[in-house]
């Protein structure tokens, strides 16, 4: 599957509807972004079961800002609508493959349980009822 362009108009629907979504935040003037692009594209061809999206931070400033992007390239991975990985920097092919394998291997019931536990702990801490 080829890499798709993500914009303000389609980003949320892809996060919500794609089982696994990888997102590459990049800009045309960024040397490391240009070096990472062929690696990312090759991975998209090798993993047709994963959606590979690309966000041009120059054209989608609001989206990049909302995502808290401070350096590019930045790679994010969403699984079942949950952000499960975010890291700045261009990854070599082997490291990108490890990220993809790791995201595919996640126990999402466990991830959701951890999120619920963390939110519960935060709520208890905020009300002063925590131990």
N, C-alpha and C. Protein backbone atom coordinates (compact mmCIF):
# COMPACT_ATOMS: atom_id res chain seq x y z
N UNK A 1 0.86 -1.18 0.00
CA UNK A 1 0.00 0.00 0.00
C UNK A 1 0.89 1.23 0.00
N UNK A 2 0.58 2.17 -0.82
CA UNK A 2 1.35 3.42 -0.89
C UNK A 2 1.02 4.30 0.31
N UNK A 3 1.91 5.23 0.57
CA UNK A 3 1.71 6.19 1.65
C UNK A 3 0.62 7.18 1.24
N UNK A 4 -0.27 7.50 2.17
CA UNK A 4 -1.35 8.44 1.88
C UNK A 4 -1.06 9.79 2.55
N UNK A 5 -1.53 10.86 1.95
CA UNK A 5 -1.39 12.19 2.53
C UNK A 5 -2.49 12.38 3.57
N UNK A 6 -2.08 12.77 4.76
CA UNK A 6 -3.04 13.06 5.83
C UNK A 6 -3.17 14.56 5.99
N UNK A 7 -4.39 15.01 6.19
CA UNK A 7 -4.69 16.44 6.34
C UNK A 7 -5.65 16.62 7.51
N UNK A 8 -5.97 17.88 7.80
CA UNK A 8 -6.98 18.16 8.82
C UNK A 8 -8.30 17.48 8.48
N UNK A 9 -8.58 17.34 7.19
CA UNK A 9 -9.85 16.79 6.76
C UNK A 9 -9.97 15.27 6.96
N UNK A 10 -8.86 14.55 6.88
CA UNK A 10 -8.96 13.08 6.94
C UNK A 10 -8.20 12.42 8.08
N UNK A 11 -7.44 13.18 8.84
CA UNK A 11 -6.59 12.59 9.89
C UNK A 11 -7.42 11.84 10.93
N UNK A 12 -8.42 12.48 11.49
CA UNK A 12 -9.21 11.86 12.56
C UNK A 12 -9.89 10.59 12.08
N UNK A 13 -10.44 10.60 10.87
CA UNK A 13 -11.12 9.40 10.37
C UNK A 13 -10.14 8.25 10.21
N UNK A 14 -8.91 8.53 9.79
CA UNK A 14 -7.91 7.46 9.67
C UNK A 14 -7.51 6.93 11.04
N UNK A 15 -7.31 7.82 12.02
CA UNK A 15 -6.96 7.38 13.38
C UNK A 15 -8.07 6.48 13.92
N UNK A 16 -9.31 6.89 13.73
CA UNK A 16 -10.44 6.15 14.29
C UNK A 16 -10.77 4.87 13.54
N UNK A 17 -10.54 4.83 12.22
CA UNK A 17 -11.02 3.70 11.41
C UNK A 17 -9.96 2.71 10.97
N UNK A 18 -8.70 3.09 10.97
CA UNK A 18 -7.64 2.18 10.55
C UNK A 18 -7.13 1.42 11.77
N UNK A 19 -7.00 0.11 11.64
CA UNK A 19 -6.53 -0.70 12.77
C UNK A 19 -5.15 -0.22 13.22
N UNK A 20 -4.23 -0.13 12.27
CA UNK A 20 -2.88 0.38 12.56
C UNK A 20 -2.59 1.51 11.58
N UNK A 21 -2.22 2.65 12.13
CA UNK A 21 -1.87 3.82 11.32
C UNK A 21 -0.52 4.34 11.76
N UNK A 22 0.43 4.35 10.84
CA UNK A 22 1.72 5.01 11.08
C UNK A 22 1.67 6.37 10.42
N UNK A 23 2.23 7.36 11.09
CA UNK A 23 2.21 8.73 10.59
C UNK A 23 3.62 9.29 10.62
N UNK A 24 4.06 9.76 9.46
CA UNK A 24 5.37 10.41 9.31
C UNK A 24 5.14 11.91 9.16
N UNK A 25 5.59 12.69 10.13
CA UNK A 25 5.55 14.15 10.04
C UNK A 25 6.86 14.60 9.41
N UNK A 26 6.78 15.37 8.33
CA UNK A 26 7.97 15.73 7.56
C UNK A 26 7.81 17.11 6.93
N UNK A 27 8.88 17.59 6.31
CA UNK A 27 8.85 18.82 5.52
C UNK A 27 9.84 18.67 4.36
N UNK A 28 9.56 19.35 3.26
CA UNK A 28 10.38 19.20 2.06
C UNK A 28 11.81 19.71 2.26
N UNK A 29 12.02 20.68 3.14
CA UNK A 29 13.35 21.25 3.36
C UNK A 29 14.19 20.43 4.33
N UNK A 30 13.62 19.39 4.91
CA UNK A 30 14.28 18.61 5.97
C UNK A 30 15.08 17.45 5.37
N UNK A 31 16.40 17.54 5.46
CA UNK A 31 17.28 16.49 4.93
C UNK A 31 17.00 15.12 5.52
N UNK A 32 16.95 14.98 6.86
CA UNK A 32 16.65 13.66 7.43
C UNK A 32 15.28 13.13 7.00
N UNK A 33 14.32 14.02 6.78
CA UNK A 33 12.99 13.60 6.29
C UNK A 33 13.11 12.98 4.91
N UNK A 34 13.89 13.62 4.05
CA UNK A 34 14.08 13.12 2.69
C UNK A 34 14.82 11.78 2.69
N UNK A 35 15.75 11.62 3.63
CA UNK A 35 16.48 10.35 3.73
C UNK A 35 15.57 9.23 4.24
N UNK A 36 14.63 9.57 5.13
CA UNK A 36 13.73 8.57 5.72
C UNK A 36 12.62 8.16 4.75
N UNK A 37 12.26 9.03 3.82
CA UNK A 37 11.12 8.79 2.93
C UNK A 37 11.18 7.45 2.19
N UNK A 38 12.31 7.07 1.57
CA UNK A 38 12.35 5.78 0.87
C UNK A 38 12.19 4.59 1.82
N UNK A 39 12.72 4.70 3.02
CA UNK A 39 12.57 3.64 4.02
C UNK A 39 11.11 3.48 4.40
N UNK A 40 10.43 4.60 4.62
CA UNK A 40 9.02 4.60 4.99
C UNK A 40 8.16 4.04 3.85
N UNK A 41 8.47 4.46 2.64
CA UNK A 41 7.71 3.98 1.47
C UNK A 41 7.91 2.48 1.28
N UNK A 42 9.14 1.99 1.45
CA UNK A 42 9.41 0.56 1.31
C UNK A 42 8.65 -0.24 2.37
N UNK A 43 8.59 0.28 3.58
CA UNK A 43 7.85 -0.40 4.65
C UNK A 43 6.35 -0.43 4.33
N UNK A 44 5.85 0.64 3.70
CA UNK A 44 4.43 0.67 3.35
C UNK A 44 4.10 -0.41 2.32
N UNK A 45 5.04 -0.69 1.44
CA UNK A 45 4.84 -1.74 0.43
C UNK A 45 4.93 -3.14 1.08
N UNK A 46 5.78 -3.27 2.09
CA UNK A 46 5.99 -4.56 2.75
C UNK A 46 4.89 -4.91 3.74
N UNK A 47 4.10 -3.93 4.16
CA UNK A 47 3.06 -4.15 5.17
C UNK A 47 1.71 -3.62 4.68
N UNK A 48 1.07 -4.33 3.76
CA UNK A 48 -0.21 -3.85 3.23
C UNK A 48 -1.34 -3.83 4.26
N UNK A 49 -1.13 -4.49 5.41
CA UNK A 49 -2.14 -4.50 6.46
C UNK A 49 -2.05 -3.28 7.38
N UNK A 50 -1.09 -2.41 7.13
CA UNK A 50 -0.88 -1.20 7.93
C UNK A 50 -1.11 0.01 7.02
N UNK A 51 -1.78 1.04 7.55
CA UNK A 51 -1.94 2.28 6.81
C UNK A 51 -0.75 3.18 7.14
N UNK A 52 -0.08 3.65 6.10
CA UNK A 52 1.06 4.56 6.25
C UNK A 52 0.63 5.94 5.78
N UNK A 53 0.61 6.88 6.70
CA UNK A 53 0.22 8.24 6.37
C UNK A 53 1.39 9.18 6.49
N UNK A 54 1.28 10.29 5.80
CA UNK A 54 2.34 11.29 5.77
C UNK A 54 1.71 12.66 5.96
N UNK A 55 2.33 13.46 6.83
CA UNK A 55 1.83 14.81 7.08
C UNK A 55 2.95 15.81 6.79
N UNK A 56 2.74 16.63 5.77
CA UNK A 56 3.66 17.70 5.44
C UNK A 56 3.42 18.82 6.45
N UNK A 57 4.38 19.03 7.34
CA UNK A 57 4.20 19.99 8.43
C UNK A 57 4.12 21.43 7.93
N UNK A 58 4.62 21.70 6.74
CA UNK A 58 4.52 23.05 6.17
C UNK A 58 3.10 23.33 5.69
N UNK A 59 2.45 22.32 5.15
CA UNK A 59 1.09 22.48 4.63
C UNK A 59 0.03 22.24 5.70
N UNK A 60 0.37 21.48 6.73
CA UNK A 60 -0.59 21.11 7.77
C UNK A 60 -0.08 21.58 9.14
N UNK A 61 0.20 22.87 9.23
CA UNK A 61 0.77 23.43 10.47
C UNK A 61 -0.13 23.21 11.68
N UNK A 62 -1.43 23.36 11.49
CA UNK A 62 -2.37 23.19 12.61
C UNK A 62 -2.34 21.76 13.13
N UNK A 63 -2.29 20.81 12.22
CA UNK A 63 -2.24 19.40 12.59
C UNK A 63 -0.92 19.07 13.29
N UNK A 64 0.18 19.58 12.77
CA UNK A 64 1.48 19.35 13.39
C UNK A 64 1.53 19.98 14.79
N UNK A 65 0.95 21.15 14.93
CA UNK A 65 0.90 21.82 16.23
C UNK A 65 0.05 21.03 17.21
N UNK A 66 -1.11 20.57 16.77
CA UNK A 66 -2.00 19.80 17.63
C UNK A 66 -1.34 18.50 18.09
N UNK A 67 -0.47 17.94 17.25
CA UNK A 67 0.24 16.70 17.59
C UNK A 67 1.47 16.97 18.45
N UNK A 68 1.79 18.24 18.68
CA UNK A 68 2.94 18.58 19.51
C UNK A 68 4.27 18.32 18.83
N UNK A 69 4.31 18.40 17.52
CA UNK A 69 5.54 18.12 16.78
C UNK A 69 6.54 19.26 17.01
N UNK A 70 7.71 18.89 17.53
CA UNK A 70 8.75 19.88 17.78
C UNK A 70 9.99 19.64 16.94
N UNK A 71 10.09 18.43 16.37
CA UNK A 71 11.22 18.15 15.49
C UNK A 71 10.76 17.15 14.45
N UNK A 72 11.37 17.23 13.29
CA UNK A 72 11.00 16.33 12.21
C UNK A 72 12.24 15.66 11.65
N UNK A 73 12.09 14.48 11.10
CA UNK A 73 10.86 13.73 11.04
C UNK A 73 10.44 13.22 12.42
N UNK A 74 9.16 13.04 12.62
CA UNK A 74 8.61 12.37 13.80
C UNK A 74 7.68 11.28 13.30
N UNK A 75 7.82 10.12 13.89
CA UNK A 75 6.97 8.99 13.56
C UNK A 75 6.02 8.73 14.72
N UNK A 76 4.74 8.58 14.41
CA UNK A 76 3.74 8.19 15.39
C UNK A 76 3.04 6.95 14.89
N UNK A 77 2.60 6.12 15.84
CA UNK A 77 1.82 4.93 15.50
C UNK A 77 0.57 4.90 16.35
N UNK A 78 -0.55 4.69 15.68
CA UNK A 78 -1.84 4.55 16.34
C UNK A 78 -2.33 3.12 16.11
N UNK A 79 -2.87 2.52 17.14
CA UNK A 79 -3.47 1.19 17.01
C UNK A 79 -4.85 1.26 17.63
N UNK A 80 -5.85 0.93 16.86
CA UNK A 80 -7.25 0.98 17.30
C UNK A 80 -7.59 2.34 17.91
N UNK A 81 -7.08 3.40 17.28
CA UNK A 81 -7.39 4.76 17.70
C UNK A 81 -6.57 5.29 18.86
N UNK A 82 -5.61 4.52 19.35
CA UNK A 82 -4.80 4.90 20.51
C UNK A 82 -3.36 5.16 20.06
N UNK A 83 -2.81 6.29 20.46
CA UNK A 83 -1.41 6.58 20.18
C UNK A 83 -0.55 5.64 21.02
N UNK A 84 0.22 4.78 20.35
CA UNK A 84 1.02 3.78 21.06
C UNK A 84 2.52 3.98 20.87
N UNK A 85 2.91 4.92 19.98
CA UNK A 85 4.33 5.16 19.74
C UNK A 85 4.49 6.54 19.16
N UNK A 86 5.49 7.26 19.64
CA UNK A 86 5.85 8.56 19.07
C UNK A 86 7.33 8.78 19.32
N UNK A 87 8.06 9.10 18.24
CA UNK A 87 9.49 9.32 18.38
C UNK A 87 10.01 10.20 17.25
N UNK A 88 10.74 11.26 17.60
CA UNK A 88 11.37 12.05 16.55
C UNK A 88 12.63 11.36 16.03
N UNK A 89 12.99 11.71 14.80
CA UNK A 89 14.22 11.19 14.22
C UNK A 89 13.96 10.18 13.13
N UNK A 90 14.83 10.16 12.15
CA UNK A 90 14.71 9.20 11.04
C UNK A 90 15.19 7.84 11.52
N UNK A 91 14.37 6.84 11.31
CA UNK A 91 14.72 5.48 11.71
C UNK A 91 15.34 4.71 10.55
N UNK A 92 16.36 3.91 10.82
CA UNK A 92 16.86 3.02 9.78
C UNK A 92 15.83 1.90 9.54
N UNK A 93 15.92 1.21 8.41
CA UNK A 93 14.92 0.19 8.07
C UNK A 93 14.67 -0.83 9.17
N UNK A 94 15.72 -1.33 9.80
CA UNK A 94 15.55 -2.37 10.83
C UNK A 94 14.78 -1.82 12.03
N UNK A 95 15.06 -0.58 12.43
CA UNK A 95 14.36 0.01 13.57
C UNK A 95 12.89 0.25 13.24
N UNK A 96 12.61 0.70 12.03
CA UNK A 96 11.22 0.90 11.62
C UNK A 96 10.48 -0.44 11.63
N UNK A 97 11.13 -1.48 11.15
CA UNK A 97 10.53 -2.81 11.16
C UNK A 97 10.23 -3.26 12.59
N UNK A 98 11.12 -2.97 13.53
CA UNK A 98 10.89 -3.31 14.93
C UNK A 98 9.68 -2.57 15.49
N UNK A 99 9.52 -1.30 15.13
CA UNK A 99 8.36 -0.53 15.58
C UNK A 99 7.08 -1.17 15.04
N UNK A 100 7.07 -1.47 13.75
CA UNK A 100 5.88 -2.06 13.13
C UNK A 100 5.54 -3.40 13.78
N UNK A 101 6.53 -4.25 13.96
CA UNK A 101 6.32 -5.55 14.60
C UNK A 101 5.80 -5.37 16.02
N UNK A 102 6.37 -4.42 16.75
CA UNK A 102 5.94 -4.16 18.11
C UNK A 102 4.50 -3.68 18.19
N UNK A 103 4.13 -2.78 17.30
CA UNK A 103 2.76 -2.26 17.28
C UNK A 103 1.79 -3.38 16.92
N UNK A 104 2.14 -4.20 15.95
CA UNK A 104 1.27 -5.32 15.56
C UNK A 104 1.10 -6.31 16.71
N UNK A 105 2.13 -6.46 17.53
CA UNK A 105 2.10 -7.45 18.61
C UNK A 105 1.47 -6.97 19.90
N UNK A 106 1.04 -5.73 19.96
CA UNK A 106 0.46 -5.21 21.20
C UNK A 106 -0.83 -5.93 21.57
N UNK A 107 -1.00 -6.19 22.86
CA UNK A 107 -2.26 -6.69 23.41
C UNK A 107 -3.10 -5.46 23.73
N UNK A 108 -4.01 -5.12 22.84
CA UNK A 108 -4.76 -3.87 22.97
C UNK A 108 -5.70 -3.87 24.17
N UNK A 109 -6.18 -5.04 24.61
CA UNK A 109 -6.97 -5.08 25.84
C UNK A 109 -6.12 -4.64 27.02
N UNK A 110 -4.86 -5.09 27.03
CA UNK A 110 -3.94 -4.69 28.09
C UNK A 110 -3.62 -3.20 28.00
N UNK A 111 -3.43 -2.68 26.79
CA UNK A 111 -3.16 -1.26 26.61
C UNK A 111 -4.33 -0.42 27.14
N UNK A 112 -5.55 -0.80 26.77
CA UNK A 112 -6.73 -0.06 27.24
C UNK A 112 -6.85 -0.13 28.76
N UNK A 113 -6.54 -1.29 29.34
CA UNK A 113 -6.57 -1.46 30.80
C UNK A 113 -5.55 -0.54 31.47
N UNK A 114 -4.35 -0.46 30.89
CA UNK A 114 -3.32 0.43 31.45
C UNK A 114 -3.74 1.89 31.38
N UNK A 115 -4.37 2.26 30.28
CA UNK A 115 -4.85 3.64 30.13
C UNK A 115 -5.93 3.93 31.16
N UNK A 116 -6.86 3.01 31.34
CA UNK A 116 -7.94 3.19 32.31
C UNK A 116 -7.37 3.30 33.73
N UNK A 117 -6.39 2.44 34.04
CA UNK A 117 -5.76 2.50 35.37
C UNK A 117 -5.06 3.83 35.60
N UNK A 118 -4.37 4.31 34.57
CA UNK A 118 -3.66 5.59 34.69
C UNK A 118 -4.64 6.73 34.87
N UNK A 119 -5.74 6.70 34.13
CA UNK A 119 -6.75 7.76 34.25
C UNK A 119 -7.41 7.72 35.62
N UNK A 120 -7.65 6.53 36.13
CA UNK A 120 -8.24 6.38 37.46
C UNK A 120 -7.29 6.93 38.52
N UNK A 121 -6.01 6.61 38.39
CA UNK A 121 -5.01 7.12 39.34
C UNK A 121 -4.93 8.63 39.30
N UNK A 122 -4.98 9.20 38.09
CA UNK A 122 -4.94 10.66 37.95
C UNK A 122 -6.18 11.29 38.59
N UNK A 123 -7.32 10.67 38.38
CA UNK A 123 -8.57 11.20 38.95
C UNK A 123 -8.52 11.15 40.48
N UNK A 124 -8.01 10.05 41.02
CA UNK A 124 -7.89 9.94 42.48
C UNK A 124 -6.91 10.96 43.03
N UNK A 125 -5.81 11.16 42.33
CA UNK A 125 -4.82 12.14 42.78
C UNK A 125 -5.40 13.54 42.72
N UNK A 126 -6.22 13.80 41.70
CA UNK A 126 -6.81 15.12 41.54
C UNK A 126 -7.86 15.43 42.59
N UNK A 127 -8.51 14.41 43.15
CA UNK A 127 -9.55 14.64 44.14
C UNK A 127 -9.03 14.48 45.55
N UNK A 128 -7.79 14.06 45.66
CA UNK A 128 -7.22 13.88 47.00
C UNK A 128 -7.67 12.60 47.67
N UNK A 129 -8.29 11.68 46.94
CA UNK A 129 -8.74 10.43 47.52
C UNK A 129 -7.77 9.28 47.29
N UNK A 130 -6.68 9.56 46.60
CA UNK A 130 -5.69 8.51 46.33
C UNK A 130 -4.90 8.19 47.58
N UNK A 131 -4.21 7.05 47.55
CA UNK A 131 -3.42 6.64 48.72
C UNK A 131 -2.01 7.10 48.59
